[in-house]
Amino acid sequence: MKRTWTIIGVADVARSFKWYQSLLGLPETAPAHDYFGQILDSDGTVLLCLHEWGAHEHPSLTSPSTAEPGNGLLLFFRIDNFDEALPRARALVSPARRAARESQH
C-alpha cells in the first residue's frame, strides 16, 4: 500500500509535536530530531510530519513570513472518538485566538 506523508512547517518541532499528540490523544513522545518529527498512530502509521521552518532549504518551508496565505493547506484528521477529541481541541486553542475568531463571526 502507498501512503502519503503530510509535512507541515513549524517554528518549534518539539512544542508542536506535543501539541498534536495532545490534540489526537496520543501518548507523549519526543520527535526524532530537533528539526523533524513524525506523529505516529498506535500501529506505527505516520499521521503527520513536522518540519522546522528553514531547515534544509526546502523551497516551500523556508519561512512562515514568506508563505502565502490561503496556499491550499487543510489538515483533516478522521478519528473514532470525536466527542472526546473536541474538548481537547478547544482546550488547545489559546483564549486570545479563540476571542479573535469569535469576533470575526
C-alpha atoms as a PDB file:
ATOM      1  CA  MET A   1       0.000   0.000   0.000  1.00  0.00           C
ATOM      2  CA  LYS A   2       1.148   3.535  -0.701  1.00  0.00           C
ATOM      3  CA  ARG A   3       0.675   6.276   1.849  1.00  0.00           C
ATOM      4  CA  THR A   4       1.247   9.996   1.725  1.00  0.00           C
ATOM      5  CA  TRP A   5       3.097  11.807   4.473  1.00  0.00           C
ATOM      6  CA  THR A   6       1.802  15.296   5.098  1.00  0.00           C
ATOM      7  CA  ILE A   7       4.643  17.582   6.192  1.00  0.00           C
ATOM      8  CA  ILE A   8       3.980  20.996   7.701  1.00  0.00           C
ATOM      9  CA  GLY A   9       6.412  23.746   8.656  1.00  0.00           C
ATOM     10  CA  VAL A  10       6.564  24.697  12.326  1.00  0.00           C
ATOM     11  CA  ALA A  11       8.681  27.083  14.383  1.00  0.00           C
ATOM     12  CA  ASP A  12       9.282  24.658  17.253  1.00  0.00           C
ATOM     13  CA  VAL A  13       9.144  20.957  16.389  1.00  0.00           C
ATOM     14  CA  ALA A  14       9.187  19.690  19.990  1.00  0.00           C
ATOM     15  CA  ARG A  15       6.424  22.061  21.127  1.00  0.00           C
ATOM     16  CA  SER A  16       4.285  21.362  18.043  1.00  0.00           C
ATOM     17  CA  PHE A  17       4.897  17.646  18.462  1.00  0.00           C
ATOM     18  CA  LYS A  18       3.494  17.769  21.985  1.00  0.00           C
ATOM     19  CA  TRP A  19       0.519  19.883  20.837  1.00  0.00           C
ATOM     20  CA  TYR A  20      -0.528  17.477  18.053  1.00  0.00           C
ATOM     21  CA  GLN A  21      -0.102  14.450  20.310  1.00  0.00           C
ATOM     22  CA  SER A  22      -2.340  16.110  22.883  1.00  0.00           C
ATOM     23  CA  LEU A  23      -4.899  17.042  20.226  1.00  0.00           C
ATOM     24  CA  LEU A  24      -5.047  13.485  18.904  1.00  0.00           C
ATOM     25  CA  GLY A  25      -4.988  11.842  22.326  1.00  0.00           C
ATOM     26  CA  LEU A  26      -1.668  10.109  21.696  1.00  0.00           C
ATOM     27  CA  PRO A  27       0.964   9.258  24.308  1.00  0.00           C
ATOM     28  CA  GLU A  28       3.617  11.952  24.631  1.00  0.00           C
ATOM     29  CA  THR A  29       6.913  11.089  22.943  1.00  0.00           C
ATOM     30  CA  ALA A  30       9.781  13.202  21.645  1.00  0.00           C
ATOM     31  CA  PRO A  31      10.489  13.882  17.960  1.00  0.00           C
ATOM     32  CA  ALA A  32      13.448  12.037  16.446  1.00  0.00           C
ATOM     33  CA  HIS A  33      15.275  15.303  15.634  1.00  0.00           C
ATOM     34  CA  ASP A  34      15.194  18.975  16.617  1.00  0.00           C
ATOM     35  CA  TYR A  35      14.181  19.840  13.039  1.00  0.00           C
ATOM     36  CA  PHE A  36      11.843  16.930  12.114  1.00  0.00           C
ATOM     37  CA  GLY A  37       9.424  14.510  13.737  1.00  0.00           C
ATOM     38  CA  GLN A  38       6.662  12.123  12.766  1.00  0.00           C
ATOM     39  CA  ILE A  39       3.406  11.906  14.694  1.00  0.00           C
ATOM     40  CA  LEU A  40       2.572   8.195  14.732  1.00  0.00           C
ATOM     41  CA  ASP A  41      -0.640   6.327  15.415  1.00  0.00           C
ATOM     42  CA  SER A  42      -0.540   3.403  17.868  1.00  0.00           C
ATOM     43  CA  ASP A  43       0.034   0.980  14.970  1.00  0.00           C
ATOM     44  CA  GLY A  44       3.017   2.971  13.631  1.00  0.00           C
ATOM     45  CA  THR A  45       1.127   4.716  10.821  1.00  0.00           C
ATOM     46  CA  VAL A  46       2.536   8.192  10.132  1.00  0.00           C
ATOM     47  CA  LEU A  47      -0.256  10.701  10.717  1.00  0.00           C
ATOM     48  CA  LEU A  48       1.687  13.934  10.286  1.00  0.00           C
ATOM     49  CA  CYS A  49       5.278  15.112   9.878  1.00  0.00           C
ATOM     50  CA  LEU A  50       6.532  18.327  11.447  1.00  0.00           C
ATOM     51  CA  HIS A  51       9.490  20.106   9.856  1.00  0.00           C
ATOM     52  CA  GLU A  52      11.258  23.155  11.237  1.00  0.00           C
ATOM     53  CA  TRP A  53      10.892  26.268   9.082  1.00  0.00           C
ATOM     54  CA  GLY A  54      14.107  26.977   7.187  1.00  0.00           C
ATOM     55  CA  ALA A  55      15.826  23.651   7.890  1.00  0.00           C
ATOM     56  CA  HIS A  56      17.370  22.040   4.791  1.00  0.00           C
ATOM     57  CA  GLU A  57      16.384  24.855   2.431  1.00  0.00           C
ATOM     58  CA  HIS A  58      13.148  23.236   1.197  1.00  0.00           C
ATOM     59  CA  PRO A  59      11.583  25.920  -1.028  1.00  0.00           C
ATOM     60  CA  SER A  60       8.083  25.566   0.414  1.00  0.00           C
ATOM     61  CA  LEU A  61       9.334  25.531   4.031  1.00  0.00           C
ATOM     62  CA  THR A  62      11.733  28.470   4.021  1.00  0.00           C
ATOM     63  CA  SER A  63       9.829  30.754   6.387  1.00  0.00           C
ATOM     64  CA  PRO A  64       6.306  31.338   7.656  1.00  0.00           C
ATOM     65  CA  SER A  65       6.714  35.005   6.725  1.00  0.00           C
ATOM     66  CA  THR A  66       7.129  34.133   3.033  1.00  0.00           C
ATOM     67  CA  ALA A  67       4.347  31.534   2.928  1.00  0.00           C
ATOM     68  CA  GLU A  68       1.370  32.879   1.023  1.00  0.00           C
ATOM     69  CA  PRO A  69      -1.922  32.957   2.953  1.00  0.00           C
ATOM     70  CA  GLY A  70      -4.531  30.628   1.546  1.00  0.00           C
ATOM     71  CA  ASN A  71      -1.980  28.339  -0.065  1.00  0.00           C
ATOM     72  CA  GLY A  72      -4.461  25.455  -0.019  1.00  0.00           C
ATOM     73  CA  LEU A  73      -3.282  23.528   3.024  1.00  0.00           C
ATOM     74  CA  LEU A  74      -6.037  21.964   5.058  1.00  0.00           C
ATOM     75  CA  LEU A  75      -5.384  19.305   7.688  1.00  0.00           C
ATOM     76  CA  PHE A  76      -8.244  16.895   8.207  1.00  0.00           C
ATOM     77  CA  PHE A  77      -7.972  14.139  10.816  1.00  0.00           C
ATOM     78  CA  ARG A  78     -10.584  11.405  10.745  1.00  0.00           C
ATOM     79  CA  ILE A  79     -10.912   9.994  14.249  1.00  0.00           C
ATOM     80  CA  ASP A  80     -13.048   7.431  16.042  1.00  0.00           C
ATOM     81  CA  ASN A  81     -13.666   9.424  19.232  1.00  0.00           C
ATOM     82  CA  PHE A  82     -14.854  12.857  18.088  1.00  0.00           C
ATOM     83  CA  ASP A  83     -16.769  13.548  21.310  1.00  0.00           C
ATOM     84  CA  GLU A  84     -13.566  13.051  23.317  1.00  0.00           C
ATOM     85  CA  ALA A  85     -11.335  14.940  20.854  1.00  0.00           C
ATOM     86  CA  LEU A  86     -13.450  18.099  20.541  1.00  0.00           C
ATOM     87  CA  PRO A  87     -12.920  19.287  24.139  1.00  0.00           C
ATOM     88  CA  ARG A  88      -9.182  18.564  23.805  1.00  0.00           C
ATOM     89  CA  ALA A  89      -9.032  20.629  20.614  1.00  0.00           C
ATOM     90  CA  ARG A  90     -10.917  23.516  22.212  1.00  0.00           C
ATOM     91  CA  ALA A  91      -8.618  23.447  25.246  1.00  0.00           C
ATOM     92  CA  LEU A  92      -5.556  23.672  22.992  1.00  0.00           C
ATOM     93  CA  VAL A  93      -6.698  26.920  21.357  1.00  0.00           C
ATOM     94  CA  SER A  94      -5.432  29.940  23.274  1.00  0.00           C
ATOM     95  CA  PRO A  95      -8.068  32.254  24.792  1.00  0.00           C
ATOM     96  CA  ALA A  96      -6.738  35.179  22.692  1.00  0.00           C
ATOM     97  CA  ARG A  97      -7.031  33.233  19.447  1.00  0.00           C
ATOM     98  CA  ARG A  98     -10.494  31.969  20.412  1.00  0.00           C
ATOM     99  CA  ALA A  99     -11.670  35.537  21.137  1.00  0.00           C
ATOM    100  CA  ALA A 100     -10.273  36.762  17.814  1.00  0.00           C
ATOM    101  CA  ARG A 101     -12.092  34.031  15.909  1.00  0.00           C
ATOM    102  CA  GLU A 102     -15.372  34.672  17.694  1.00  0.00           C
ATOM    103  CA  SER A 103     -15.158  38.398  16.923  1.00  0.00           C
ATOM    104  CA  GLN A 104     -14.830  37.599  13.204  1.00  0.00           C
ATOM    105  CA  HIS A 105     -18.212  35.847  13.105  1.00  0.00           C
END
